[in-house]
Amino acid sequence: MIEIDWAAEAGRLRTTATDEAGWNAMVAEGLVRSTDRLAVDVGCGGGGMAKALAAALPDGGSVVAIDADPDVLQEARDHTAGTRVRCELASMDAGAEPLREAIGAPADLIWASASVHHAADQQAAINALASLLAPGGRLALAEGGLPARSLPWDLRVGEPGLELRLDVAQDRWFAAMRDALPGTVPMPYGWTDALQRAGLTEVTTRSVLTEKPVPLSDEDRDRLVTQSRLRIERLTPGAGADGSGHGHGHGHGHGDGLPDELALPAADLAVWKELLDPDSPRYLGRRTDLAALSVRSIHLGQAPA
C-alpha cells in the first residue's frame, strides 16, 4: 500500500518553499488583484506561496495557509513568521465547513498547488473550495503541466531515454497512490472541466515555463541531484512512499514497501545508482550539460459575481 508520510516530507517541503521563492513571487503577482483582501493557500506545504501571496496583496490584505498535517503546518508557520499569514489545520477531505471555519470569511483568491490530487474525491474537494469564494473570487489549481527535463537523451550508459522511463514509472506510482486512498473516486476528465462542474466561470489555463541557463550553477546542480535521488529512492523496490525503504506514515504503515511492479526496472536502477554516486566517474553532480526546464499549469476559475 502506498501512503505518503507527510511528517517525513515536512522538511523537504520547507526547502522547496525557499527554493521556489522566485517562481512563487512571479505567479502570486500575476494572480492577485488590487481589490483582493483575503487569499488562501490550501495544502500550503512549506508556506512558500502563502508567503508570496502575502507580499503581493495590497495593504490590509491577509493570507490563510491551510494544511492537513501538523508537522507540515509548523514548517509553514516558521517560514511565514512575521508576515500577514495565519496558519490553520484543516483537510479538504472533511468537506467545506472545516475549511470555512478555518478561513473565517469568503476568499478573494484560493490557491491549491499539487494538493487536490491527494483528495480522495477530487471533484468534491474542488466543489468545496469553490464554495468558499466571494462573488468574483478566483480558484487557482496548480496541477500538471509537462514533465521536467534535465538530462541528455543518450548518456552513453544504459539505454537511451532514461528520464522518459522514469516519468512512466512515476506515473504508475501516482496511479497506485490514488488507488490506495480510502474512498477514492475517479475523475475521468480534466481540471478545467472540474472547475466548470463546480459552477465557476471564465475557466482557463495558464502554463508557466521555467528554464535555467546551461551550465547550471553549483547550487542548481546540487538541487537537481537531490531531487533525482529522492525520485529514485521512491521508485526503488521495498521503499516507503517517502523513499525511506521502511513502512511508516500516519500510523498505518506501508506494508512491505513499494511492490516490484511499481519500481523502476533493475537495469535503470543500476544506471541511476551510478549517476547519483559522487565517487562514480559518471556522477551527475559533475556534468556541465544538465538542464532545468519545466512547465507547470495553473487552472483558473471565477465565482459568479
Protein backbone atom coordinates (compact mmCIF):
# COMPACT_ATOMS: atom_id res chain seq x y z
CA MET A 1 0.00 0.00 0.00
CA ILE A 2 1.30 3.46 -0.90
CA GLU A 3 0.71 6.10 1.73
CA ILE A 4 2.69 9.31 1.97
CA ASP A 5 4.26 10.11 5.33
CA TRP A 6 3.73 13.88 5.37
CA ALA A 7 5.59 14.33 8.65
CA ALA A 8 8.68 12.88 6.98
CA GLU A 9 8.12 15.15 3.97
CA ALA A 10 7.75 18.36 6.04
CA GLY A 11 11.41 19.36 5.92
CA ARG A 12 11.62 18.81 2.16
CA LEU A 13 8.51 20.94 1.64
CA ARG A 14 10.10 23.74 3.65
CA THR A 15 13.21 23.53 1.45
CA THR A 16 11.02 23.69 -1.66
CA ALA A 17 9.29 26.80 -0.28
CA THR A 18 12.67 28.52 -0.14
CA ASP A 19 13.98 27.18 -3.45
CA GLU A 20 10.87 28.26 -5.37
CA ALA A 21 10.56 31.75 -3.86
CA GLY A 22 11.13 33.45 -7.21
CA TRP A 23 8.57 31.32 -9.04
CA ASN A 24 6.03 31.81 -6.26
CA ALA A 25 6.50 35.59 -6.28
CA MET A 26 6.07 35.80 -10.06
CA VAL A 27 2.88 33.72 -10.03
CA ALA A 28 1.42 35.49 -6.99
CA GLU A 29 1.91 38.90 -8.57
CA GLY A 30 0.05 37.68 -11.67
CA LEU A 31 -2.87 36.31 -9.67
CA VAL A 32 -3.52 38.96 -7.02
CA ARG A 33 -5.84 41.86 -7.84
CA SER A 34 -5.72 45.32 -6.32
CA THR A 35 -9.14 44.71 -4.73
CA ASP A 36 -8.19 41.42 -3.05
CA ARG A 37 -8.26 41.32 0.72
CA LEU A 38 -8.17 37.63 1.61
CA ALA A 39 -6.14 34.91 -0.11
CA VAL A 40 -5.98 31.26 0.94
CA ASP A 41 -3.31 28.62 0.27
CA VAL A 42 -4.87 25.16 0.66
CA GLY A 43 -2.38 22.34 1.08
CA CYS A 44 0.22 25.00 1.79
CA GLY A 45 3.22 22.70 2.25
CA GLY A 46 6.19 24.71 3.46
CA GLY A 47 4.32 28.00 3.06
CA GLY A 48 6.15 29.31 0.01
CA MET A 49 3.12 30.51 -1.93
CA ALA A 50 1.36 31.75 1.21
CA LYS A 51 4.35 34.00 1.88
CA ALA A 52 4.40 35.19 -1.75
CA LEU A 53 0.67 35.95 -1.72
CA ALA A 54 1.08 37.96 1.48
CA ALA A 55 3.79 40.06 -0.20
CA ALA A 56 1.64 40.61 -3.31
CA LEU A 57 -1.59 41.58 -1.55
CA PRO A 58 -2.40 45.27 -1.11
CA ASP A 59 -2.18 46.89 2.31
CA GLY A 60 -4.77 45.45 4.67
CA GLY A 61 -4.83 42.07 2.95
CA SER A 62 -4.10 38.77 4.65
CA VAL A 63 -3.47 35.11 3.84
CA VAL A 64 -4.71 31.92 5.48
CA ALA A 65 -2.41 28.93 4.96
CA ILE A 66 -4.14 25.57 5.43
CA ASP A 67 -2.69 22.08 5.65
CA ALA A 68 -3.95 18.76 6.99
CA ASP A 69 -0.66 17.69 8.61
CA PRO A 70 0.51 19.42 11.82
CA ASP A 71 4.22 18.88 11.10
CA VAL A 72 3.90 20.37 7.63
CA LEU A 73 1.87 23.25 9.01
CA GLN A 74 4.55 24.01 11.59
CA GLU A 75 7.12 24.33 8.81
CA ALA A 76 4.78 26.76 7.03
CA ARG A 77 4.28 28.69 10.26
CA ASP A 78 8.03 29.02 10.74
CA HIS A 79 8.59 30.01 7.09
CA THR A 80 5.91 32.72 7.14
CA ALA A 81 6.66 34.13 10.59
CA GLY A 82 6.44 37.93 10.64
CA THR A 83 4.22 38.12 7.54
CA ARG A 84 0.49 38.55 7.06
CA VAL A 85 -0.07 34.77 7.06
CA ARG A 86 -2.22 32.85 9.54
CA CYS A 87 -1.77 29.05 9.56
CA GLU A 88 -4.71 26.71 10.22
CA LEU A 89 -5.09 22.93 10.41
CA ALA A 90 -7.85 21.52 8.16
CA SER A 91 -8.39 18.89 5.48
CA MET A 92 -10.16 19.09 2.11
CA ASP A 93 -11.41 15.53 2.64
CA ALA A 94 -13.54 16.78 5.56
CA GLY A 95 -15.67 18.98 3.26
CA ALA A 96 -16.26 22.71 3.09
CA GLU A 97 -17.29 23.52 6.66
CA PRO A 98 -13.95 22.92 8.43
CA LEU A 99 -12.25 24.96 5.71
CA ARG A 100 -14.83 27.72 6.02
CA GLU A 101 -14.33 27.83 9.78
CA ALA A 102 -10.55 27.98 9.36
CA ILE A 103 -10.73 30.79 6.79
CA GLY A 104 -13.37 32.84 8.59
CA ALA A 105 -14.64 34.82 5.57
CA PRO A 106 -15.22 34.36 1.83
CA ALA A 107 -11.94 34.36 -0.06
CA ASP A 108 -10.98 36.56 -2.98
CA LEU A 109 -8.35 34.07 -4.14
CA ILE A 110 -7.80 30.41 -3.29
CA TRP A 111 -4.57 28.74 -4.37
CA ALA A 112 -4.13 24.95 -4.27
CA SER A 113 -0.88 23.55 -5.68
CA ALA A 114 -0.45 19.77 -6.09
CA SER A 115 -2.85 19.29 -3.19
CA VAL A 116 -6.24 18.49 -4.72
CA HIS A 117 -4.81 15.35 -6.34
CA HIS A 118 -4.30 13.99 -2.80
CA ALA A 119 -8.04 14.30 -2.02
CA ALA A 120 -9.95 11.03 -2.26
CA ASP A 121 -12.75 12.77 -4.19
CA GLN A 122 -11.08 15.47 -6.24
CA GLN A 123 -14.31 16.90 -7.66
CA ALA A 124 -15.85 17.13 -4.19
CA ALA A 125 -12.72 18.93 -2.97
CA ILE A 126 -12.93 21.43 -5.85
CA ASN A 127 -16.64 21.95 -5.15
CA ALA A 128 -15.80 22.67 -1.51
CA LEU A 129 -13.07 25.15 -2.42
CA ALA A 130 -15.32 26.92 -4.93
CA SER A 131 -17.99 27.34 -2.26
CA LEU A 132 -15.54 29.37 -0.15
CA LEU A 133 -15.09 32.09 -2.76
CA ALA A 134 -16.51 35.58 -2.52
CA PRO A 135 -18.50 36.76 -5.58
CA GLY A 136 -15.94 37.21 -8.35
CA GLY A 137 -13.31 35.33 -6.36
CA ARG A 138 -10.89 33.00 -8.15
CA LEU A 139 -9.80 29.44 -7.56
CA ALA A 140 -6.35 28.57 -8.94
CA LEU A 141 -5.29 24.93 -9.13
CA ALA A 142 -1.63 24.27 -9.91
CA GLU A 143 -1.82 20.74 -11.29
CA GLY A 144 0.02 19.04 -14.12
CA GLY A 145 1.99 20.62 -16.90
CA LEU A 146 4.84 18.86 -18.68
CA PRO A 147 7.49 16.55 -17.19
CA ALA A 148 10.67 18.34 -16.22
CA ARG A 149 13.68 17.74 -18.43
CA SER A 150 17.23 17.74 -17.13
CA LEU A 151 19.30 15.04 -18.83
CA PRO A 152 20.55 14.45 -22.36
CA TRP A 153 18.53 11.72 -24.11
CA ASP A 154 21.54 9.44 -24.54
CA LEU A 155 24.03 9.36 -21.66
CA ARG A 156 26.06 6.53 -23.24
CA VAL A 157 25.27 4.40 -20.21
CA GLY A 158 22.25 2.12 -20.13
CA GLU A 159 19.50 2.52 -22.71
CA PRO A 160 18.73 5.96 -24.16
CA GLY A 161 15.61 7.68 -22.80
CA LEU A 162 16.42 7.07 -19.14
CA GLU A 163 14.48 10.16 -18.00
CA LEU A 164 11.44 9.23 -20.11
CA ARG A 165 11.19 5.83 -18.43
CA LEU A 166 11.50 7.50 -15.04
CA ASP A 167 8.44 9.60 -15.90
CA VAL A 168 6.48 6.48 -16.87
CA ALA A 169 7.39 4.75 -13.61
CA GLN A 170 6.40 7.83 -11.64
CA ASP A 171 3.02 7.86 -13.40
CA ARG A 172 2.48 4.23 -12.33
CA TRP A 173 3.40 5.18 -8.77
CA PHE A 174 0.99 8.13 -8.83
CA ALA A 175 -1.89 5.97 -10.10
CA ALA A 176 -1.23 3.43 -7.35
CA MET A 177 -1.14 6.22 -4.75
CA ARG A 178 -4.53 7.47 -5.96
CA ASP A 179 -6.00 3.95 -5.94
CA ALA A 180 -4.79 3.41 -2.36
CA LEU A 181 -6.67 6.43 -0.97
CA PRO A 182 -9.63 5.29 1.17
CA GLY A 183 -12.87 6.09 -0.66
CA THR A 184 -11.08 7.26 -3.79
CA VAL A 185 -13.35 8.49 -6.59
CA PRO A 186 -12.13 8.56 -10.22
CA MET A 187 -12.15 11.91 -12.05
CA PRO A 188 -12.00 10.91 -15.73
CA TYR A 189 -11.87 14.47 -17.07
CA GLY A 190 -9.53 17.44 -16.90
CA TRP A 191 -9.08 20.15 -14.31
CA THR A 192 -10.86 22.78 -16.38
CA ASP A 193 -13.96 20.57 -16.65
CA ALA A 194 -13.80 20.05 -12.88
CA LEU A 195 -13.77 23.81 -12.28
CA GLN A 196 -16.77 24.27 -14.57
CA ARG A 197 -18.66 21.47 -12.81
CA ALA A 198 -18.05 23.35 -9.56
CA GLY A 199 -20.01 26.28 -11.01
CA LEU A 200 -17.06 28.51 -11.84
CA THR A 201 -16.89 30.67 -14.94
CA GLU A 202 -14.21 32.16 -17.20
CA VAL A 203 -12.26 28.93 -16.77
CA THR A 204 -8.84 28.91 -18.38
CA THR A 205 -5.32 27.55 -18.02
CA ARG A 206 -2.01 29.39 -17.79
CA SER A 207 1.20 27.42 -18.13
CA VAL A 208 4.44 28.80 -16.76
CA LEU A 209 7.76 27.86 -18.34
CA THR A 210 10.80 27.75 -16.07
CA GLU A 211 14.25 27.43 -17.61
CA LYS A 212 17.69 27.99 -16.14
CA PRO A 213 20.69 28.50 -18.42
CA VAL A 214 23.25 25.79 -19.03
CA PRO A 215 25.66 25.29 -17.39
CA LEU A 216 23.72 25.28 -14.14
CA SER A 217 25.13 26.95 -11.07
CA ASP A 218 26.64 24.63 -8.47
CA GLU A 219 23.61 25.27 -6.26
CA ASP A 220 21.12 24.39 -9.00
CA ARG A 221 23.11 21.31 -10.00
CA ASP A 222 23.18 20.10 -6.39
CA ARG A 223 19.45 20.73 -6.11
CA LEU A 224 18.80 18.72 -9.26
CA VAL A 225 20.89 15.80 -7.98
CA THR A 226 19.00 15.85 -4.68
CA GLN A 227 15.64 15.87 -6.45
CA SER A 228 16.73 13.00 -8.69
CA ARG A 229 17.90 10.99 -5.70
CA LEU A 230 14.53 11.43 -3.98
CA ARG A 231 12.66 10.31 -7.10
CA ILE A 232 14.82 7.21 -7.46
CA GLU A 233 14.54 6.29 -3.79
CA ARG A 234 10.75 6.48 -4.05
CA LEU A 235 10.77 4.12 -7.05
CA THR A 236 13.13 1.54 -5.55
CA PRO A 237 11.65 -1.89 -4.60
CA GLY A 238 10.69 -2.00 -0.94
CA ALA A 239 10.80 1.79 -0.46
CA GLY A 240 8.13 3.59 1.53
CA ALA A 241 6.19 6.39 -0.16
CA ASP A 242 8.72 8.83 1.25
CA GLY A 243 11.59 6.81 -0.26
CA SER A 244 12.70 5.65 3.18
CA GLY A 245 12.76 1.93 2.50
CA HIS A 246 10.61 1.25 5.55
CA GLY A 247 6.92 1.49 6.21
CA HIS A 248 5.96 4.36 8.47
CA GLY A 249 3.37 7.04 7.99
CA HIS A 250 0.34 8.39 9.85
CA GLY A 251 0.24 5.25 11.95
CA HIS A 252 -0.91 3.00 9.11
CA GLY A 253 2.37 1.86 7.58
CA HIS A 254 3.31 0.84 4.06
CA GLY A 255 3.26 -2.91 4.49
CA ASP A 256 6.32 -4.30 2.73
CA GLY A 257 7.02 -1.07 0.87
CA LEU A 258 6.87 -0.40 -2.85
CA PRO A 259 5.92 -3.53 -4.81
CA ASP A 260 8.32 -4.64 -7.55
CA GLU A 261 5.80 -3.99 -10.33
CA LEU A 262 5.77 -0.26 -9.47
CA ALA A 263 9.53 0.10 -9.18
CA LEU A 264 11.97 1.13 -11.88
CA PRO A 265 13.49 -1.79 -13.84
CA ALA A 266 16.65 -3.16 -12.28
CA ALA A 267 18.77 -2.07 -15.24
CA ASP A 268 17.62 1.54 -14.91
CA LEU A 269 18.08 1.49 -11.14
CA ALA A 270 21.67 0.36 -11.64
CA VAL A 271 22.31 3.25 -14.02
CA TRP A 272 20.74 5.77 -11.65
CA LYS A 273 22.82 4.41 -8.77
CA GLU A 274 25.94 5.10 -10.81
CA LEU A 275 24.78 8.56 -11.87
CA LEU A 276 23.98 9.57 -8.29
CA ASP A 277 27.17 8.18 -6.73
CA PRO A 278 29.65 11.04 -6.00
CA ASP A 279 32.52 8.54 -6.36
CA SER A 280 31.42 7.47 -9.85
CA PRO A 281 33.08 8.99 -12.93
CA ARG A 282 29.53 9.38 -14.32
CA TYR A 283 28.26 11.39 -11.32
CA LEU A 284 25.59 13.89 -12.38
CA GLY A 285 26.92 16.47 -9.97
CA ARG A 286 29.97 16.98 -12.20
CA ARG A 287 28.17 17.22 -15.54
CA THR A 288 28.09 20.57 -17.32
CA ASP A 289 25.20 19.72 -19.67
CA LEU A 290 22.37 19.32 -17.16
CA ALA A 291 19.29 21.45 -17.83
CA ALA A 292 16.46 22.77 -15.64
CA LEU A 293 13.39 23.00 -17.85
CA SER A 294 9.81 22.59 -16.63
CA VAL A 295 6.27 23.69 -17.43
CA ARG A 296 3.67 23.96 -14.68
CA SER A 297 0.00 24.58 -15.40
CA ILE A 298 -2.38 26.74 -13.37
CA HIS A 299 -6.10 26.18 -13.95
CA LEU A 300 -8.28 29.16 -13.07
CA GLY A 301 -11.99 29.63 -12.49
CA GLN A 302 -14.04 32.54 -11.15
CA ALA A 303 -17.09 32.55 -8.94
CA PRO A 304 -20.10 34.29 -10.49
CA ALA A 305 -20.20 37.96 -9.50
